[in-house]
C-alpha cells in the first residue's frame, strides 16, 4: 500500500522533475535502467546483461549507455567489475544523502525505511539549525525570512501549493546559522523529500498550518529565544512525521 501511495504521489508530481531532466538523455536513460532493475527484480550482487545486450534492450547507442552507467556507478547503484560485468550494488548501505537525493530527483521512489530514517536525521539537524540561527542571525537573515513568510501567505491566499516556499524558508533558517555545511546537508534532505512535500502541501489546510508555524519560528529567531525556537521546530517537524507515520504504517 505504501509503495502504491508513494508511486501515485510521484507520478502526479513528476512533471516538474521531468522538466529539469529535459535535454539530458543520460539522466532519462538512468531512469530507464532503474526501471529495468525494478521490472526484473534484480537484487544486490545480481549481474546485468552485457553493454551490447543492454544497449539493444534500451534502444540506445553504447556510448549513451556507458554515460548512464557511469552515473549509476557514481551513485553506487551499480558497479563494473573488470573482466566480469556490471553488477547491482548495495547502494542503501554505502550511499550518501546526496546519492539518495539524486536518485529521488530522477524518479526513484525511496524505501519506507529511508523515509523514516531521513526524517529522524532531519529532526536532529533542524533542532541545531534553529539554535544556531537564534545565536547568529543578522538583520539580512530576518529580512529574508520575513519576505518568505509574506510570500507564503500570499500564495496560500491564492490557494497555491507552498512546497517550494516551505523549503526556501527552512533553508533560510539554516542560512541564518551561518554554517555552509549545514545548509548544504539540509538542502540534500529537502531534495530527497521534494516529491513527497509537493504531495503533502496539495492539502491547503496543511499549508496554512505550516505557514502559522513558520511565523512562530520567525518570532523565536527574531527574539533569539533558543528554547522557543527548538520547541517550535520540534512541533513543526513532528506534525509532518505523524502524517508520514500514518501513511507508511507499520511496513
Foldseek 3Di string as FASTA:
>chain_A
DLVVVLLVLCVVPCPVLVVVCPPPLLLLVLLVVVVVCVVVVADFPDFDDALVVVCVVVVHDSVSVVSNVVVCVVLQQWDADPPPHIGGGPNVVDGDLLSLLVCVSSPDDDDPVVVLVLLVVLLVLLLVLLLLLLVQADPVLLVQLVVLLVVLVVQLVVVHQCLVSLLVNSLSSNVSSVDVVSSVNVVSSCSSCVSVSSVVRNPSVLSVVLSVLSVQLSVCSVVSPSVSNSVSVNVNSVVVVVVVCVSSPPD
